[in-house]
All heavy atoms as atom14 arrays in JSON, in Angstrom:
{
  "sequence": "AEFFSTYICNVEYYGEGHYMVHSGGTGTFKGEVCDKPPVQYMGDDEL",
  "atom14_mask": [
    [1, 1, 1, 1, 1, 0, 0, 0, 0, 0, 0, 0, 0, 0],
    [1, 1, 1, 1, 1, 1, 1, 1, 1, 0, 0, 0, 0, 0],
    [1, 1, 1, 1, 1, 1, 1, 1, 1, 1, 1, 0, 0, 0],
    [1, 1, 1, 1, 1, 1, 1, 1, 1, 1, 1, 0, 0, 0],
    [1, 1, 1, 1, 1, 1, 0, 0, 0, 0, 0, 0, 0, 0],
    [1, 1, 1, 1, 1, 1, 1, 0, 0, 0, 0, 0, 0, 0],
    [1, 1, 1, 1, 1, 1, 1, 1, 1, 1, 1, 1, 0, 0],
    [1, 1, 1, 1, 1, 1, 1, 1, 0, 0, 0, 0, 0, 0],
    [1, 1, 1, 1, 1, 1, 0, 0, 0, 0, 0, 0, 0, 0],
    [1, 1, 1, 1, 1, 1, 1, 1, 0, 0, 0, 0, 0, 0],
    [1, 1, 1, 1, 1, 1, 1, 0, 0, 0, 0, 0, 0, 0],
    [1, 1, 1, 1, 1, 1, 1, 1, 1, 0, 0, 0, 0, 0],
    [1, 1, 1, 1, 1, 1, 1, 1, 1, 1, 1, 1, 0, 0],
    [1, 1, 1, 1, 1, 1, 1, 1, 1, 1, 1, 1, 0, 0],
    [1, 1, 1, 1, 0, 0, 0, 0, 0, 0, 0, 0, 0, 0],
    [1, 1, 1, 1, 1, 1, 1, 1, 1, 0, 0, 0, 0, 0],
    [1, 1, 1, 1, 0, 0, 0, 0, 0, 0, 0, 0, 0, 0],
    [1, 1, 1, 1, 1, 1, 1, 1, 1, 1, 0, 0, 0, 0],
    [1, 1, 1, 1, 1, 1, 1, 1, 1, 1, 1, 1, 0, 0],
    [1, 1, 1, 1, 1, 1, 1, 1, 0, 0, 0, 0, 0, 0],
    [1, 1, 1, 1, 1, 1, 1, 0, 0, 0, 0, 0, 0, 0],
    [1, 1, 1, 1, 1, 1, 1, 1, 1, 1, 0, 0, 0, 0],
    [1, 1, 1, 1, 1, 1, 0, 0, 0, 0, 0, 0, 0, 0],
    [1, 1, 1, 1, 0, 0, 0, 0, 0, 0, 0, 0, 0, 0],
    [1, 1, 1, 1, 0, 0, 0, 0, 0, 0, 0, 0, 0, 0],
    [1, 1, 1, 1, 1, 1, 1, 0, 0, 0, 0, 0, 0, 0],
    [1, 1, 1, 1, 0, 0, 0, 0, 0, 0, 0, 0, 0, 0],
    [1, 1, 1, 1, 1, 1, 1, 0, 0, 0, 0, 0, 0, 0],
    [1, 1, 1, 1, 1, 1, 1, 1, 1, 1, 1, 0, 0, 0],
    [1, 1, 1, 1, 1, 1, 1, 1, 1, 0, 0, 0, 0, 0],
    [1, 1, 1, 1, 0, 0, 0, 0, 0, 0, 0, 0, 0, 0],
    [1, 1, 1, 1, 1, 1, 1, 1, 1, 0, 0, 0, 0, 0],
    [1, 1, 1, 1, 1, 1, 1, 0, 0, 0, 0, 0, 0, 0],
    [1, 1, 1, 1, 1, 1, 0, 0, 0, 0, 0, 0, 0, 0],
    [1, 1, 1, 1, 1, 1, 1, 1, 0, 0, 0, 0, 0, 0],
    [1, 1, 1, 1, 1, 1, 1, 1, 1, 0, 0, 0, 0, 0],
    [1, 1, 1, 1, 1, 1, 1, 0, 0, 0, 0, 0, 0, 0],
    [1, 1, 1, 1, 1, 1, 1, 0, 0, 0, 0, 0, 0, 0],
    [1, 1, 1, 1, 1, 1, 1, 0, 0, 0, 0, 0, 0, 0],
    [1, 1, 1, 1, 1, 1, 1, 1, 1, 0, 0, 0, 0, 0],
    [1, 1, 1, 1, 1, 1, 1, 1, 1, 1, 1, 1, 0, 0],
    [1, 1, 1, 1, 1, 1, 1, 1, 0, 0, 0, 0, 0, 0],
    [1, 1, 1, 1, 0, 0, 0, 0, 0, 0, 0, 0, 0, 0],
    [1, 1, 1, 1, 1, 1, 1, 1, 0, 0, 0, 0, 0, 0],
    [1, 1, 1, 1, 1, 1, 1, 1, 0, 0, 0, 0, 0, 0],
    [1, 1, 1, 1, 1, 1, 1, 1, 1, 0, 0, 0, 0, 0],
    [1, 1, 1, 1, 1, 1, 1, 1, 0, 0, 0, 0, 0, 0]
  ],
  "atom14_positions": [
    [[0.81, -1.25, 0.0], [-0.01, 0.04, 0.01], [0.84, 1.3, 0.02], [0.42, 2.33, -0.43], [-0.92, -0.02, 1.2], [0.0, 0.0, 0.0], [0.0, 0.0, 0.0], [0.0, 0.0, 0.0], [0.0, 0.0, 0.0], [0.0, 0.0, 0.0], [0.0, 0.0, 0.0], [0.0, 0.0, 0.0], [0.0, 0.0, 0.0], [0.0, 0.0, 0.0]],
    [[2.07, 1.18, 0.48], [2.98, 2.4, 0.53], [3.14, 3.0, -0.86], [3.29, 4.16, -1.07], [4.33, 1.95, 1.11], [5.36, 3.11, 1.0], [6.8, 2.53, 0.9], [6.96, 1.36, 0.54], [7.74, 3.34, 1.03], [0.0, 0.0, 0.0], [0.0, 0.0, 0.0], [0.0, 0.0, 0.0], [0.0, 0.0, 0.0], [0.0, 0.0, 0.0]],
    [[3.14, 2.06, -1.86], [3.47, 2.46, -3.25], [2.18, 2.64, -4.09], [2.21, 2.74, -5.28], [4.35, 1.34, -3.91], [5.21, 1.78, -5.06], [6.2, 2.74, -4.87], [4.99, 1.28, -6.3], [7.02, 3.15, -5.93], [5.82, 1.68, -7.39], [6.8, 2.58, -7.2], [0.0, 0.0, 0.0], [0.0, 0.0, 0.0], [0.0, 0.0, 0.0]],
    [[1.02, 2.56, -3.44], [-0.27, 2.55, -4.09], [-0.74, 3.94, -4.56], [-0.83, 4.85, -3.71], [-1.31, 1.93, -3.23], [-2.73, 1.86, -3.83], [-2.98, 1.08, -4.96], [-3.77, 2.64, -3.3], [-4.28, 1.02, -5.49], [-5.08, 2.61, -3.87], [-5.25, 1.79, -4.94], [0.0, 0.0, 0.0], [0.0, 0.0, 0.0], [0.0, 0.0, 0.0]],
    [[-1.07, 4.13, -5.87], [-1.57, 5.4, -6.4], [-2.87, 5.05, -7.17], [-2.81, 4.27, -8.13], [-0.53, 5.97, -7.37], [0.57, 6.51, -6.65], [0.0, 0.0, 0.0], [0.0, 0.0, 0.0], [0.0, 0.0, 0.0], [0.0, 0.0, 0.0], [0.0, 0.0, 0.0], [0.0, 0.0, 0.0], [0.0, 0.0, 0.0], [0.0, 0.0, 0.0]],
    [[-3.95, 5.63, -6.8], [-5.2, 5.51, -7.5], [-5.18, 6.14, -8.87], [-5.98, 5.72, -9.79], [-6.36, 6.06, -6.69], [-6.14, 7.5, -6.53], [-6.54, 5.43, -5.31], [0.0, 0.0, 0.0], [0.0, 0.0, 0.0], [0.0, 0.0, 0.0], [0.0, 0.0, 0.0], [0.0, 0.0, 0.0], [0.0, 0.0, 0.0], [0.0, 0.0, 0.0]],
    [[-4.29, 7.06, -9.1], [-4.37, 7.82, -10.4], [-2.96, 8.31, -10.83], [-2.02, 8.02, -10.07], [-5.28, 9.03, -10.23], [-4.81, 10.25, -9.4], [-5.02, 11.49, -9.8], [-4.09, 10.03, -8.21], [-4.56, 12.61, -9.06], [-3.68, 11.07, -7.43], [-3.87, 12.37, -7.88], [-3.44, 13.49, -7.18], [0.0, 0.0, 0.0], [0.0, 0.0, 0.0]],
    [[-2.87, 8.96, -11.93], [-1.61, 9.46, -12.53], [-0.5, 8.36, -12.6], [-0.87, 7.22, -12.7], [-1.14, 10.73, -11.92], [-0.97, 10.68, -10.36], [-2.22, 11.86, -12.17], [-0.55, 12.0, -9.72], [0.0, 0.0, 0.0], [0.0, 0.0, 0.0], [0.0, 0.0, 0.0], [0.0, 0.0, 0.0], [0.0, 0.0, 0.0], [0.0, 0.0, 0.0]],
    [[0.76, 8.75, -12.66], [1.95, 7.86, -12.68], [2.5, 7.57, -14.03], [1.94, 7.83, -15.07], [1.65, 6.52, -11.98], [0.98, 6.7, -10.3], [0.0, 0.0, 0.0], [0.0, 0.0, 0.0], [0.0, 0.0, 0.0], [0.0, 0.0, 0.0], [0.0, 0.0, 0.0], [0.0, 0.0, 0.0], [0.0, 0.0, 0.0], [0.0, 0.0, 0.0]],
    [[3.69, 7.0, -14.08], [4.48, 6.83, -15.28], [5.5, 5.71, -15.17], [5.91, 5.34, -14.14], [5.2, 8.15, -15.57], [5.77, 8.16, -17.0], [5.2, 7.61, -17.95], [6.9, 8.83, -17.2], [0.0, 0.0, 0.0], [0.0, 0.0, 0.0], [0.0, 0.0, 0.0], [0.0, 0.0, 0.0], [0.0, 0.0, 0.0], [0.0, 0.0, 0.0]],
    [[5.84, 5.16, -16.34], [7.04, 4.24, -16.44], [7.88, 4.73, -17.66], [7.3, 5.31, -18.61], [6.59, 2.75, -16.75], [5.87, 2.2, -15.46], [5.74, 2.57, -17.99], [0.0, 0.0, 0.0], [0.0, 0.0, 0.0], [0.0, 0.0, 0.0], [0.0, 0.0, 0.0], [0.0, 0.0, 0.0], [0.0, 0.0, 0.0], [0.0, 0.0, 0.0]],
    [[9.15, 4.49, -17.59], [10.04, 4.82, -18.64], [10.97, 3.61, -18.93], [11.43, 2.95, -18.01], [10.89, 6.04, -18.31], [10.13, 7.33, -18.26], [9.8, 7.87, -19.65], [10.59, 7.66, -20.56], [8.73, 8.54, -19.72], [0.0, 0.0, 0.0], [0.0, 0.0, 0.0], [0.0, 0.0, 0.0], [0.0, 0.0, 0.0], [0.0, 0.0, 0.0]],
    [[11.28, 3.4, -20.19], [12.29, 2.33, -20.59], [13.48, 3.02, -21.08], [13.53, 3.79, -22.02], [11.65, 1.53, -21.77], [12.54, 0.54, -22.36], [12.68, -0.75, -21.89], [13.25, 0.84, -23.52], [13.51, -1.65, -22.5], [14.08, -0.03, -24.15], [14.27, -1.3, -23.65], [15.1, -2.2, -24.21], [0.0, 0.0, 0.0], [0.0, 0.0, 0.0]],
    [[14.62, 2.82, -20.35], [15.91, 3.42, -20.72], [16.79, 2.46, -21.54], [17.66, 2.85, -22.15], [16.67, 3.82, -19.43], [15.93, 4.88, -18.58], [15.85, 4.74, -17.25], [15.34, 5.97, -19.21], [15.2, 5.66, -16.46], [14.72, 6.98, -18.44], [14.63, 6.82, -17.05], [13.98, 7.78, -16.29], [0.0, 0.0, 0.0], [0.0, 0.0, 0.0]],
    [[16.54, 1.18, -21.38], [17.32, 0.15, -22.08], [16.99, -1.18, -21.4], [16.2, -1.24, -20.45], [0.0, 0.0, 0.0], [0.0, 0.0, 0.0], [0.0, 0.0, 0.0], [0.0, 0.0, 0.0], [0.0, 0.0, 0.0], [0.0, 0.0, 0.0], [0.0, 0.0, 0.0], [0.0, 0.0, 0.0], [0.0, 0.0, 0.0], [0.0, 0.0, 0.0]],
    [[17.52, -2.29, -21.97], [17.09, -3.6, -21.5], [17.47, -3.75, -19.96], [18.65, -3.54, -19.64], [17.68, -4.67, -22.33], [17.07, -6.02, -22.17], [15.58, -5.97, -22.46], [15.16, -5.27, -23.38], [14.79, -6.63, -21.74], [0.0, 0.0, 0.0], [0.0, 0.0, 0.0], [0.0, 0.0, 0.0], [0.0, 0.0, 0.0], [0.0, 0.0, 0.0]],
    [[16.49, -4.01, -19.16], [16.68, -4.16, -17.76], [16.89, -2.8, -16.97], [17.14, -2.85, -15.83], [0.0, 0.0, 0.0], [0.0, 0.0, 0.0], [0.0, 0.0, 0.0], [0.0, 0.0, 0.0], [0.0, 0.0, 0.0], [0.0, 0.0, 0.0], [0.0, 0.0, 0.0], [0.0, 0.0, 0.0], [0.0, 0.0, 0.0], [0.0, 0.0, 0.0]],
    [[16.6, -1.74, -17.61], [16.8, -0.39, -17.07], [15.51, 0.39, -17.22], [15.14, 0.79, -18.34], [17.98, 0.29, -17.77], [18.45, 1.56, -17.05], [19.33, 2.39, -17.59], [18.1, 2.06, -15.8], [19.55, 3.42, -16.74], [18.82, 3.21, -15.68], [0.0, 0.0, 0.0], [0.0, 0.0, 0.0], [0.0, 0.0, 0.0], [0.0, 0.0, 0.0]],
    [[14.84, 0.59, -16.12], [13.52, 1.27, -16.08], [13.39, 2.32, -15.05], [14.17, 2.42, -14.09], [12.45, 0.26, -15.85], [12.52, -1.08, -16.54], [12.89, -2.24, -15.83], [12.33, -1.22, -17.88], [13.04, -3.45, -16.42], [12.48, -2.46, -18.55], [12.86, -3.57, -17.83], [12.95, -4.77, -18.42], [0.0, 0.0, 0.0], [0.0, 0.0, 0.0]],
    [[12.38, 3.16, -15.22], [11.87, 4.08, -14.2], [10.44, 3.72, -13.95], [9.68, 3.54, -14.8], [11.98, 5.56, -14.58], [11.59, 6.47, -13.44], [11.29, 8.14, -13.96], [9.84, 8.03, -14.94], [0.0, 0.0, 0.0], [0.0, 0.0, 0.0], [0.0, 0.0, 0.0], [0.0, 0.0, 0.0], [0.0, 0.0, 0.0], [0.0, 0.0, 0.0]],
    [[10.08, 3.61, -12.64], [8.76, 3.44, -12.2], [8.37, 4.6, -11.22], [8.98, 4.7, -10.2], [8.54, 2.03, -11.46], [7.09, 1.88, -11.08], [8.96, 0.93, -12.46], [0.0, 0.0, 0.0], [0.0, 0.0, 0.0], [0.0, 0.0, 0.0], [0.0, 0.0, 0.0], [0.0, 0.0, 0.0], [0.0, 0.0, 0.0], [0.0, 0.0, 0.0]],
    [[7.37, 5.34, -11.66], [6.97, 6.56, -10.92], [5.57, 6.4, -10.4], [4.63, 6.45, -11.09], [7.1, 7.76, -11.89], [6.41, 8.99, -11.34], [6.9, 9.71, -10.25], [5.3, 9.6, -11.73], [6.14, 10.8, -10.06], [5.07, 10.73, -10.93], [0.0, 0.0, 0.0], [0.0, 0.0, 0.0], [0.0, 0.0, 0.0], [0.0, 0.0, 0.0]],
    [[5.43, 6.27, -9.1], [4.13, 6.17, -8.45], [3.86, 7.55, -7.9], [4.26, 7.94, -6.73], [4.17, 5.17, -7.28], [2.85, 5.01, -6.78], [0.0, 0.0, 0.0], [0.0, 0.0, 0.0], [0.0, 0.0, 0.0], [0.0, 0.0, 0.0], [0.0, 0.0, 0.0], [0.0, 0.0, 0.0], [0.0, 0.0, 0.0], [0.0, 0.0, 0.0]],
    [[3.13, 8.38, -8.69], [3.1, 9.82, -8.42], [1.87, 10.26, -7.6], [1.73, 11.48, -7.29], [0.0, 0.0, 0.0], [0.0, 0.0, 0.0], [0.0, 0.0, 0.0], [0.0, 0.0, 0.0], [0.0, 0.0, 0.0], [0.0, 0.0, 0.0], [0.0, 0.0, 0.0], [0.0, 0.0, 0.0], [0.0, 0.0, 0.0], [0.0, 0.0, 0.0]],
    [[1.0, 9.34, -7.2], [-0.28, 9.76, -6.57], [-0.55, 9.14, -5.24], [-1.69, 8.85, -4.96], [0.0, 0.0, 0.0], [0.0, 0.0, 0.0], [0.0, 0.0, 0.0], [0.0, 0.0, 0.0], [0.0, 0.0, 0.0], [0.0, 0.0, 0.0], [0.0, 0.0, 0.0], [0.0, 0.0, 0.0], [0.0, 0.0, 0.0], [0.0, 0.0, 0.0]],
    [[0.5, 8.78, -4.5], [0.25, 8.11, -3.22], [-0.2, 9.13, -2.1], [0.04, 10.34, -2.27], [1.44, 7.39, -2.71], [2.46, 8.37, -2.25], [2.1, 6.53, -3.71], [0.0, 0.0, 0.0], [0.0, 0.0, 0.0], [0.0, 0.0, 0.0], [0.0, 0.0, 0.0], [0.0, 0.0, 0.0], [0.0, 0.0, 0.0], [0.0, 0.0, 0.0]],
    [[-0.9, 8.62, -1.12], [-1.32, 9.53, -0.06], [-2.1, 8.83, 1.03], [-2.63, 7.71, 0.86], [0.0, 0.0, 0.0], [0.0, 0.0, 0.0], [0.0, 0.0, 0.0], [0.0, 0.0, 0.0], [0.0, 0.0, 0.0], [0.0, 0.0, 0.0], [0.0, 0.0, 0.0], [0.0, 0.0, 0.0], [0.0, 0.0, 0.0], [0.0, 0.0, 0.0]],
    [[-2.2, 9.51, 2.19], [-3.0, 8.98, 3.26], [-3.88, 10.12, 3.74], [-3.57, 11.26, 3.69], [-2.17, 8.49, 4.47], [-1.33, 9.58, 4.96], [-1.27, 7.29, 4.04], [0.0, 0.0, 0.0], [0.0, 0.0, 0.0], [0.0, 0.0, 0.0], [0.0, 0.0, 0.0], [0.0, 0.0, 0.0], [0.0, 0.0, 0.0], [0.0, 0.0, 0.0]],
    [[-5.08, 9.75, 4.28], [-6.01, 10.7, 4.94], [-6.4, 10.14, 6.25], [-6.92, 9.0, 6.38], [-7.3, 10.85, 4.02], [-8.3, 11.81, 4.59], [-7.99, 13.21, 4.59], [-9.49, 11.39, 5.09], [-8.9, 14.08, 5.16], [-10.37, 12.27, 5.66], [-10.09, 13.64, 5.69], [0.0, 0.0, 0.0], [0.0, 0.0, 0.0], [0.0, 0.0, 0.0]],
    [[-6.13, 10.92, 7.28], [-6.28, 10.5, 8.69], [-5.58, 9.14, 8.9], [-6.05, 8.29, 9.63], [-7.81, 10.36, 9.02], [-8.52, 11.69, 8.98], [-9.97, 11.59, 9.43], [-10.63, 12.98, 9.49], [-12.03, 12.88, 9.91], [0.0, 0.0, 0.0], [0.0, 0.0, 0.0], [0.0, 0.0, 0.0], [0.0, 0.0, 0.0], [0.0, 0.0, 0.0]],
    [[-4.39, 8.99, 8.31], [-3.52, 7.84, 8.52], [-3.9, 6.64, 7.67], [-3.13, 5.6, 7.71], [0.0, 0.0, 0.0], [0.0, 0.0, 0.0], [0.0, 0.0, 0.0], [0.0, 0.0, 0.0], [0.0, 0.0, 0.0], [0.0, 0.0, 0.0], [0.0, 0.0, 0.0], [0.0, 0.0, 0.0], [0.0, 0.0, 0.0], [0.0, 0.0, 0.0]],
    [[-5.02, 6.69, 6.93], [-5.5, 5.57, 6.08], [-5.04, 5.84, 4.63], [-5.16, 6.93, 4.15], [-6.96, 5.38, 6.2], [-7.48, 5.0, 7.54], [-7.11, 3.6, 7.98], [-6.94, 2.7, 7.09], [-6.87, 3.29, 9.16], [0.0, 0.0, 0.0], [0.0, 0.0, 0.0], [0.0, 0.0, 0.0], [0.0, 0.0, 0.0], [0.0, 0.0, 0.0]],
    [[-4.56, 4.76, 3.9], [-4.23, 4.87, 2.54], [-5.46, 5.36, 1.72], [-6.56, 4.75, 1.9], [-3.64, 3.59, 1.97], [-3.23, 3.7, 0.53], [-2.44, 3.11, 2.83], [0.0, 0.0, 0.0], [0.0, 0.0, 0.0], [0.0, 0.0, 0.0], [0.0, 0.0, 0.0], [0.0, 0.0, 0.0], [0.0, 0.0, 0.0], [0.0, 0.0, 0.0]],
    [[-5.27, 6.31, 0.85], [-6.35, 6.9, 0.09], [-6.96, 5.93, -0.92], [-6.17, 5.34, -1.75], [-5.9, 8.16, -0.6], [-5.49, 9.52, 0.5], [0.0, 0.0, 0.0], [0.0, 0.0, 0.0], [0.0, 0.0, 0.0], [0.0, 0.0, 0.0], [0.0, 0.0, 0.0], [0.0, 0.0, 0.0], [0.0, 0.0, 0.0], [0.0, 0.0, 0.0]],
    [[-8.31, 5.72, -0.9], [-9.03, 4.91, -1.86], [-9.46, 5.69, -3.06], [-9.97, 5.2, -4.0], [-10.24, 4.24, -1.23], [-10.08, 2.74, -1.11], [-9.44, 2.17, -1.99], [-10.63, 2.12, -0.12], [0.0, 0.0, 0.0], [0.0, 0.0, 0.0], [0.0, 0.0, 0.0], [0.0, 0.0, 0.0], [0.0, 0.0, 0.0], [0.0, 0.0, 0.0]],
    [[-9.26, 7.02, -3.0], [-9.52, 7.92, -4.12], [-8.4, 8.85, -4.3], [-7.54, 8.99, -3.33], [-10.86, 8.61, -3.95], [-10.93, 9.52, -2.7], [-12.31, 10.17, -2.63], [-12.3, 11.16, -1.39], [-13.69, 11.8, -1.27], [0.0, 0.0, 0.0], [0.0, 0.0, 0.0], [0.0, 0.0, 0.0], [0.0, 0.0, 0.0], [0.0, 0.0, 0.0]],
    [[-8.24, 9.58, -5.4], [-7.13, 10.47, -5.56], [-7.02, 11.48, -4.36], [-8.0, 12.12, -3.98], [-7.46, 11.2, -6.82], [-8.29, 10.22, -7.65], [-9.04, 9.47, -6.59], [0.0, 0.0, 0.0], [0.0, 0.0, 0.0], [0.0, 0.0, 0.0], [0.0, 0.0, 0.0], [0.0, 0.0, 0.0], [0.0, 0.0, 0.0], [0.0, 0.0, 0.0]],
    [[-5.81, 11.59, -3.81], [-5.64, 12.45, -2.63], [-6.11, 13.88, -2.88], [-6.44, 14.62, -1.95], [-4.09, 12.38, -2.39], [-3.75, 10.99, -2.89], [-4.62, 10.75, -4.05], [0.0, 0.0, 0.0], [0.0, 0.0, 0.0], [0.0, 0.0, 0.0], [0.0, 0.0, 0.0], [0.0, 0.0, 0.0], [0.0, 0.0, 0.0], [0.0, 0.0, 0.0]],
    [[-6.0, 14.38, -4.16], [-6.39, 15.76, -4.44], [-7.87, 16.01, -4.15], [-8.39, 17.15, -4.13], [-6.09, 16.14, -5.9], [-4.6, 16.22, -6.12], [-6.72, 15.21, -6.94], [0.0, 0.0, 0.0], [0.0, 0.0, 0.0], [0.0, 0.0, 0.0], [0.0, 0.0, 0.0], [0.0, 0.0, 0.0], [0.0, 0.0, 0.0], [0.0, 0.0, 0.0]],
    [[-8.64, 14.88, -3.99], [-10.1, 15.08, -3.71], [-10.35, 15.31, -2.2], [-11.49, 15.49, -1.76], [-10.86, 13.86, -4.16], [-10.87, 13.71, -5.71], [-11.68, 12.54, -6.16], [-12.48, 11.93, -5.44], [-11.46, 12.14, -7.41], [0.0, 0.0, 0.0], [0.0, 0.0, 0.0], [0.0, 0.0, 0.0], [0.0, 0.0, 0.0], [0.0, 0.0, 0.0]],
    [[-9.29, 15.39, -1.41], [-9.37, 15.78, -0.04], [-8.78, 17.15, 0.23], [-7.89, 17.33, 1.02], [-8.59, 14.78, 0.89], [-9.14, 13.31, 0.84], [-8.54, 12.4, 0.02], [-10.17, 12.88, 1.72], [-8.97, 11.07, 0.04], [-10.58, 11.56, 1.68], [-10.01, 10.65, 0.81], [-10.4, 9.33, 0.85], [0.0, 0.0, 0.0], [0.0, 0.0, 0.0]],
    [[-9.32, 18.11, -0.47], [-8.67, 19.41, -0.41], [-9.53, 20.48, 0.35], [-9.19, 21.7, 0.2], [-8.32, 19.96, -1.84], [-7.39, 19.01, -2.63], [-5.75, 18.95, -1.92], [-5.03, 20.48, -2.53], [0.0, 0.0, 0.0], [0.0, 0.0, 0.0], [0.0, 0.0, 0.0], [0.0, 0.0, 0.0], [0.0, 0.0, 0.0], [0.0, 0.0, 0.0]],
    [[-10.58, 20.08, 0.97], [-11.35, 20.97, 1.77], [-10.61, 21.51, 2.96], [-9.69, 20.92, 3.45], [0.0, 0.0, 0.0], [0.0, 0.0, 0.0], [0.0, 0.0, 0.0], [0.0, 0.0, 0.0], [0.0, 0.0, 0.0], [0.0, 0.0, 0.0], [0.0, 0.0, 0.0], [0.0, 0.0, 0.0], [0.0, 0.0, 0.0], [0.0, 0.0, 0.0]],
    [[-10.99, 22.74, 3.43], [-10.29, 23.36, 4.52], [-10.29, 22.45, 5.81], [-9.37, 22.41, 6.56], [-10.89, 24.68, 4.9], [-10.65, 25.73, 3.78], [-9.7, 25.5, 3.01], [-11.39, 26.72, 3.71], [0.0, 0.0, 0.0], [0.0, 0.0, 0.0], [0.0, 0.0, 0.0], [0.0, 0.0, 0.0], [0.0, 0.0, 0.0], [0.0, 0.0, 0.0]],
    [[-11.36, 21.65, 5.93], [-11.5, 20.84, 7.11], [-10.83, 19.45, 6.86], [-10.71, 18.68, 7.8], [-13.02, 20.6, 7.42], [-13.76, 19.99, 6.27], [-13.34, 20.11, 5.11], [-14.83, 19.38, 6.56], [0.0, 0.0, 0.0], [0.0, 0.0, 0.0], [0.0, 0.0, 0.0], [0.0, 0.0, 0.0], [0.0, 0.0, 0.0], [0.0, 0.0, 0.0]],
    [[-10.32, 19.25, 5.62], [-9.64, 17.93, 5.35], [-8.16, 18.04, 5.23], [-7.43, 17.13, 5.57], [-10.2, 17.45, 3.96], [-11.7, 17.02, 4.02], [-12.23, 16.7, 2.68], [-11.82, 17.35, 1.64], [-12.97, 15.62, 2.6], [0.0, 0.0, 0.0], [0.0, 0.0, 0.0], [0.0, 0.0, 0.0], [0.0, 0.0, 0.0], [0.0, 0.0, 0.0]],
    [[-7.65, 19.18, 4.75], [-6.22, 19.33, 4.5], [-5.37, 19.04, 5.67], [-4.32, 18.42, 5.46], [-5.93, 20.8, 4.05], [-6.14, 21.07, 2.56], [-5.96, 22.56, 2.19], [-5.19, 20.19, 1.64], [0.0, 0.0, 0.0], [0.0, 0.0, 0.0], [0.0, 0.0, 0.0], [0.0, 0.0, 0.0], [0.0, 0.0, 0.0], [0.0, 0.0, 0.0]]
  ]
}
């Protein structure tokens, strides 16, 4: 779950056996891993 992103993200191929893996949308709300994109918790009472 540490690497879990509900949305966005990327991979890149640099050569055989050489990659980039980008988990760009991870997050927690009140200590729980987000089941929806973290940007949806942007209310003043949520931030």
